Amino acid sequence: MSGTEKSKAHAEQAKGKVKETVGRAVGNERMTAEGEAEQAKGNVRHAKEDVKDAFRR
């Protein structure tokens, strides 16, 4: 279960990075902000799974 959630977190981080990069390239501030938000969401999801793993040990 944790592996699946971590995969989702990594995918979300990657998607956010792409969106942020494209937003910066075309000068779209909204897209850049959305990309940064998606990366942050992925980081939080990943941290949550790390905490859950720590308690399982």
PDB file of N, CA and C in Angstrom:
ATOM      1  N   MET A   1       0.821  -1.188   0.000  1.00  0.00           N
ATOM      2  CA  MET A   1       0.000   0.000   0.000  1.00  0.00           C
ATOM      3  C   MET A   1       0.870   1.259   0.000  1.00  0.00           C
ATOM      4  N   SER A   2       1.859   1.272   0.831  1.00  0.00           N
ATOM      5  CA  SER A   2       2.710   2.447   0.929  1.00  0.00           C
ATOM      6  C   SER A   2       3.447   2.723  -0.381  1.00  0.00           C
ATOM      7  N   GLY A   3       3.876   1.655  -1.047  1.00  0.00           N
ATOM      8  CA  GLY A   3       4.568   1.829  -2.320  1.00  0.00           C
ATOM      9  C   GLY A   3       3.704   2.503  -3.363  1.00  0.00           C
ATOM     10  N   THR A   4       2.436   2.146  -3.369  1.00  0.00           N
ATOM     11  CA  THR A   4       1.502   2.747  -4.320  1.00  0.00           C
ATOM     12  C   THR A   4       1.335   4.233  -4.043  1.00  0.00           C
ATOM     13  N   GLU A   5       1.191   4.569  -2.785  1.00  0.00           N
ATOM     14  CA  GLU A   5       1.022   5.978  -2.420  1.00  0.00           C
ATOM     15  C   GLU A   5       2.293   6.781  -2.699  1.00  0.00           C
ATOM     16  N   LYS A   6       3.438   6.178  -2.458  1.00  0.00           N
ATOM     17  CA  LYS A   6       4.686   6.874  -2.751  1.00  0.00           C
ATOM     18  C   LYS A   6       4.843   7.083  -4.254  1.00  0.00           C
ATOM     19  N   SER A   7       4.394   6.111  -5.039  1.00  0.00           N
ATOM     20  CA  SER A   7       4.439   6.263  -6.496  1.00  0.00           C
ATOM     21  C   SER A   7       3.555   7.419  -6.940  1.00  0.00           C
ATOM     22  N   LYS A   8       2.382   7.518  -6.330  1.00  0.00           N
ATOM     23  CA  LYS A   8       1.484   8.623  -6.648  1.00  0.00           C
ATOM     24  C   LYS A   8       2.131   9.953  -6.281  1.00  0.00           C
ATOM     25  N   ALA A   9       2.823   9.971  -5.149  1.00  0.00           N
ATOM     26  CA  ALA A   9       3.487  11.197  -4.706  1.00  0.00           C
ATOM     27  C   ALA A   9       4.578  11.606  -5.691  1.00  0.00           C
ATOM     28  N   HIS A  10       5.370  10.637  -6.132  1.00  0.00           N
ATOM     29  CA  HIS A  10       6.429  10.944  -7.099  1.00  0.00           C
ATOM     30  C   HIS A  10       5.835  11.423  -8.422  1.00  0.00           C
ATOM     31  N   ALA A  11       4.763  10.795  -8.851  1.00  0.00           N
ATOM     32  CA  ALA A  11       4.116  11.213 -10.095  1.00  0.00           C
ATOM     33  C   ALA A  11       3.577  12.631  -9.971  1.00  0.00           C
ATOM     34  N   GLU A  12       3.000  12.930  -8.825  1.00  0.00           N
ATOM     35  CA  GLU A  12       2.456  14.265  -8.602  1.00  0.00           C
ATOM     36  C   GLU A  12       3.569  15.315  -8.578  1.00  0.00           C
ATOM     37  N   GLN A  13       4.690  14.970  -7.967  1.00  0.00           N
ATOM     38  CA  GLN A  13       5.828  15.878  -7.941  1.00  0.00           C
ATOM     39  C   GLN A  13       6.357  16.120  -9.356  1.00  0.00           C
ATOM     40  N   ALA A  14       6.472  15.067 -10.138  1.00  0.00           N
ATOM     41  CA  ALA A  14       6.979  15.197 -11.507  1.00  0.00           C
ATOM     42  C   ALA A  14       6.022  16.025 -12.366  1.00  0.00           C
ATOM     43  N   LYS A  15       4.740  15.748 -12.233  1.00  0.00           N
ATOM     44  CA  LYS A  15       3.735  16.488 -12.992  1.00  0.00           C
ATOM     45  C   LYS A  15       3.788  17.973 -12.634  1.00  0.00           C
ATOM     46  N   GLY A  16       3.942  18.256 -11.347  1.00  0.00           N
ATOM     47  CA  GLY A  16       4.039  19.642 -10.904  1.00  0.00           C
ATOM     48  C   GLY A  16       5.274  20.325 -11.434  1.00  0.00           C
ATOM     49  N   LYS A  17       6.378  19.608 -11.470  1.00  0.00           N
ATOM     50  CA  LYS A  17       7.630  20.181 -11.975  1.00  0.00           C
ATOM     51  C   LYS A  17       7.501  20.529 -13.456  1.00  0.00           C
ATOM     52  N   VAL A  18       6.885  19.631 -14.212  1.00  0.00           N
ATOM     53  CA  VAL A  18       6.687  19.894 -15.645  1.00  0.00           C
ATOM     54  C   VAL A  18       5.790  21.106 -15.837  1.00  0.00           C
ATOM     55  N   LYS A  19       4.705  21.147 -15.084  1.00  0.00           N
ATOM     56  CA  LYS A  19       3.767  22.261 -15.216  1.00  0.00           C
ATOM     57  C   LYS A  19       4.436  23.581 -14.835  1.00  0.00           C
ATOM     58  N   GLU A  20       5.236  23.551 -13.783  1.00  0.00           N
ATOM     59  CA  GLU A  20       5.947  24.762 -13.370  1.00  0.00           C
ATOM     60  C   GLU A  20       6.931  25.210 -14.446  1.00  0.00           C
ATOM     61  N   THR A  21       7.676  24.275 -14.999  1.00  0.00           N
ATOM     62  CA  THR A  21       8.671  24.597 -16.027  1.00  0.00           C
ATOM     63  C   THR A  21       8.007  25.176 -17.273  1.00  0.00           C
ATOM     64  N   VAL A  22       6.920  24.561 -17.705  1.00  0.00           N
ATOM     65  CA  VAL A  22       6.200  25.059 -18.882  1.00  0.00           C
ATOM     66  C   VAL A  22       5.631  26.443 -18.589  1.00  0.00           C
ATOM     67  N   GLY A  23       5.085  26.615 -17.398  1.00  0.00           N
ATOM     68  CA  GLY A  23       4.537  27.913 -17.021  1.00  0.00           C
ATOM     69  C   GLY A  23       5.585  29.008 -17.060  1.00  0.00           C
ATOM     70  N   ARG A  24       6.778  28.698 -16.563  1.00  0.00           N
ATOM     71  CA  ARG A  24       7.860  29.687 -16.586  1.00  0.00           C
ATOM     72  C   ARG A  24       8.292  29.975 -18.025  1.00  0.00           C
ATOM     73  N   ALA A  25       8.337  28.924 -18.851  1.00  0.00           N
ATOM     74  CA  ALA A  25       8.792  29.085 -20.238  1.00  0.00           C
ATOM     75  C   ALA A  25       7.861  29.978 -21.047  1.00  0.00           C
ATOM     76  N   VAL A  26       6.560  29.839 -20.814  1.00  0.00           N
ATOM     77  CA  VAL A  26       5.609  30.630 -21.594  1.00  0.00           C
ATOM     78  C   VAL A  26       5.176  31.904 -20.868  1.00  0.00           C
ATOM     79  N   GLY A  27       5.675  32.099 -19.648  1.00  0.00           N
ATOM     80  CA  GLY A  27       5.342  33.309 -18.912  1.00  0.00           C
ATOM     81  C   GLY A  27       3.968  33.281 -18.279  1.00  0.00           C
ATOM     82  N   ASN A  28       3.450  32.096 -18.012  1.00  0.00           N
ATOM     83  CA  ASN A  28       2.122  31.951 -17.420  1.00  0.00           C
ATOM     84  C   ASN A  28       2.274  31.762 -15.914  1.00  0.00           C
ATOM     85  N   GLU A  29       1.991  32.809 -15.153  1.00  0.00           N
ATOM     86  CA  GLU A  29       2.162  32.764 -13.702  1.00  0.00           C
ATOM     87  C   GLU A  29       1.206  31.786 -13.033  1.00  0.00           C
ATOM     88  N   ARG A  30       0.006  31.679 -13.563  1.00  0.00           N
ATOM     89  CA  ARG A  30      -0.983  30.770 -12.972  1.00  0.00           C
ATOM     90  C   ARG A  30      -0.507  29.319 -13.093  1.00  0.00           C
ATOM     91  N   MET A  31      -0.024  28.953 -14.257  1.00  0.00           N
ATOM     92  CA  MET A  31       0.455  27.584 -14.462  1.00  0.00           C
ATOM     93  C   MET A  31       1.670  27.311 -13.580  1.00  0.00           C
ATOM     94  N   THR A  32       2.528  28.279 -13.444  1.00  0.00           N
ATOM     95  CA  THR A  32       3.703  28.142 -12.583  1.00  0.00           C
ATOM     96  C   THR A  32       3.270  27.894 -11.141  1.00  0.00           C
ATOM     97  N   ALA A  33       2.302  28.659 -10.678  1.00  0.00           N
ATOM     98  CA  ALA A  33       1.803  28.503  -9.309  1.00  0.00           C
ATOM     99  C   ALA A  33       1.134  27.149  -9.115  1.00  0.00           C
ATOM    100  N   GLU A  34       0.376  26.706 -10.102  1.00  0.00           N
ATOM    101  CA  GLU A  34      -0.270  25.398 -10.014  1.00  0.00           C
ATOM    102  C   GLU A  34       0.778  24.290  -9.936  1.00  0.00           C
ATOM    103  N   GLY A  35       1.835  24.418 -10.711  1.00  0.00           N
ATOM    104  CA  GLY A  35       2.908  23.434 -10.685  1.00  0.00           C
ATOM    105  C   GLY A  35       3.593  23.381  -9.335  1.00  0.00           C
ATOM    106  N   GLU A  36       3.842  24.543  -8.768  1.00  0.00           N
ATOM    107  CA  GLU A  36       4.464  24.593  -7.444  1.00  0.00           C
ATOM    108  C   GLU A  36       3.543  23.970  -6.398  1.00  0.00           C
ATOM    109  N   ALA A  37       2.245  24.220  -6.515  1.00  0.00           N
ATOM    110  CA  ALA A  37       1.278  23.655  -5.568  1.00  0.00           C
ATOM    111  C   ALA A  37       1.223  22.133  -5.689  1.00  0.00           C
ATOM    112  N   GLU A  38       1.254  21.620  -6.908  1.00  0.00           N
ATOM    113  CA  GLU A  38       1.230  20.175  -7.100  1.00  0.00           C
ATOM    114  C   GLU A  38       2.485  19.526  -6.529  1.00  0.00           C
ATOM    115  N   GLN A  39       3.616  20.186  -6.686  1.00  0.00           N
ATOM    116  CA  GLN A  39       4.855  19.659  -6.111  1.00  0.00           C
ATOM    117  C   GLN A  39       4.755  19.619  -4.590  1.00  0.00           C
ATOM    118  N   ALA A  40       4.216  20.665  -4.004  1.00  0.00           N
ATOM    119  CA  ALA A  40       4.069  20.719  -2.549  1.00  0.00           C
ATOM    120  C   ALA A  40       3.120  19.616  -2.073  1.00  0.00           C
ATOM    121  N   LYS A  41       2.050  19.411  -2.809  1.00  0.00           N
ATOM    122  CA  LYS A  41       1.096  18.361  -2.457  1.00  0.00           C
ATOM    123  C   LYS A  41       1.766  16.986  -2.516  1.00  0.00           C
ATOM    124  N   GLY A  42       2.582  16.771  -3.532  1.00  0.00           N
ATOM    125  CA  GLY A  42       3.323  15.514  -3.650  1.00  0.00           C
ATOM    126  C   GLY A  42       4.320  15.342  -2.524  1.00  0.00           C
ATOM    127  N   ASN A  43       4.976  16.430  -2.133  1.00  0.00           N
ATOM    128  CA  ASN A  43       5.928  16.381  -1.022  1.00  0.00           C
ATOM    129  C   ASN A  43       5.225  16.016   0.283  1.00  0.00           C
ATOM    130  N   VAL A  44       4.051  16.579   0.500  1.00  0.00           N
ATOM    131  CA  VAL A  44       3.290  16.286   1.718  1.00  0.00           C
ATOM    132  C   VAL A  44       2.848  14.826   1.718  1.00  0.00           C
ATOM    133  N   ARG A  45       2.372  14.354   0.580  1.00  0.00           N
ATOM    134  CA  ARG A  45       1.938  12.957   0.486  1.00  0.00           C
ATOM    135  C   ARG A  45       3.108  12.012   0.763  1.00  0.00           C
ATOM    136  N   HIS A  46       4.267  12.338   0.222  1.00  0.00           N
ATOM    137  CA  HIS A  46       5.450  11.504   0.417  1.00  0.00           C
ATOM    138  C   HIS A  46       5.866  11.514   1.890  1.00  0.00           C
ATOM    139  N   ALA A  47       5.836  12.682   2.521  1.00  0.00           N
ATOM    140  CA  ALA A  47       6.198  12.791   3.935  1.00  0.00           C
ATOM    141  C   ALA A  47       5.226  11.998   4.803  1.00  0.00           C
ATOM    142  N   LYS A  48       3.962  12.045   4.449  1.00  0.00           N
ATOM    143  CA  LYS A  48       2.950  11.283   5.197  1.00  0.00           C
ATOM    144  C   LYS A  48       3.259   9.796   5.146  1.00  0.00           C
ATOM    145  N   GLU A  49       3.632   9.312   3.983  1.00  0.00           N
ATOM    146  CA  GLU A  49       3.953   7.889   3.840  1.00  0.00           C
ATOM    147  C   GLU A  49       5.231   7.530   4.596  1.00  0.00           C
ATOM    148  N   ASP A  50       6.195   8.435   4.631  1.00  0.00           N
ATOM    149  CA  ASP A  50       7.418   8.194   5.404  1.00  0.00           C
ATOM    150  C   ASP A  50       7.098   8.060   6.887  1.00  0.00           C
ATOM    151  N   VAL A  51       6.204   8.906   7.383  1.00  0.00           N
ATOM    152  CA  VAL A  51       5.809   8.833   8.787  1.00  0.00           C
ATOM    153  C   VAL A  51       5.095   7.514   9.064  1.00  0.00           C
ATOM    154  N   LYS A  52       4.208   7.125   8.174  1.00  0.00           N
ATOM    155  CA  LYS A  52       3.499   5.855   8.353  1.00  0.00           C
ATOM    156  C   LYS A  52       4.484   4.685   8.366  1.00  0.00           C
ATOM    157  N   ASP A  53       5.490   4.738   7.499  1.00  0.00           N
ATOM    158  CA  ASP A  53       6.511   3.675   7.456  1.00  0.00           C
ATOM    159  C   ASP A  53       7.305   3.639   8.760  1.00  0.00           C
ATOM    160  N   ALA A  54       7.606   4.801   9.305  1.00  0.00           N
ATOM    161  CA  ALA A  54       8.376   4.865  10.554  1.00  0.00           C
ATOM    162  C   ALA A  54       7.621   4.206  11.700  1.00  0.00           C
ATOM    163  N   PHE A  55       6.302   4.367  11.728  1.00  0.00           N
ATOM    164  CA  PHE A  55       5.516   3.763  12.797  1.00  0.00           C
ATOM    165  C   PHE A  55       5.292   2.274  12.597  1.00  0.00           C
ATOM    166  N   ARG A  56       5.441   1.814  11.381  1.00  0.00           N
ATOM    167  CA  ARG A  56       5.282   0.377  11.114  1.00  0.00           C
ATOM    168  C   ARG A  56       6.494  -0.419  11.592  1.00  0.00           C
ATOM    169  N   ARG A  57       7.642   0.234  11.717  1.00  0.00           N
ATOM    170  CA  ARG A  57       8.872  -0.449  12.100  1.00  0.00           C
ATOM    171  C   ARG A  57       8.966  -0.667  13.551  1.00  0.00           C
TER     172      ARG A  57
END
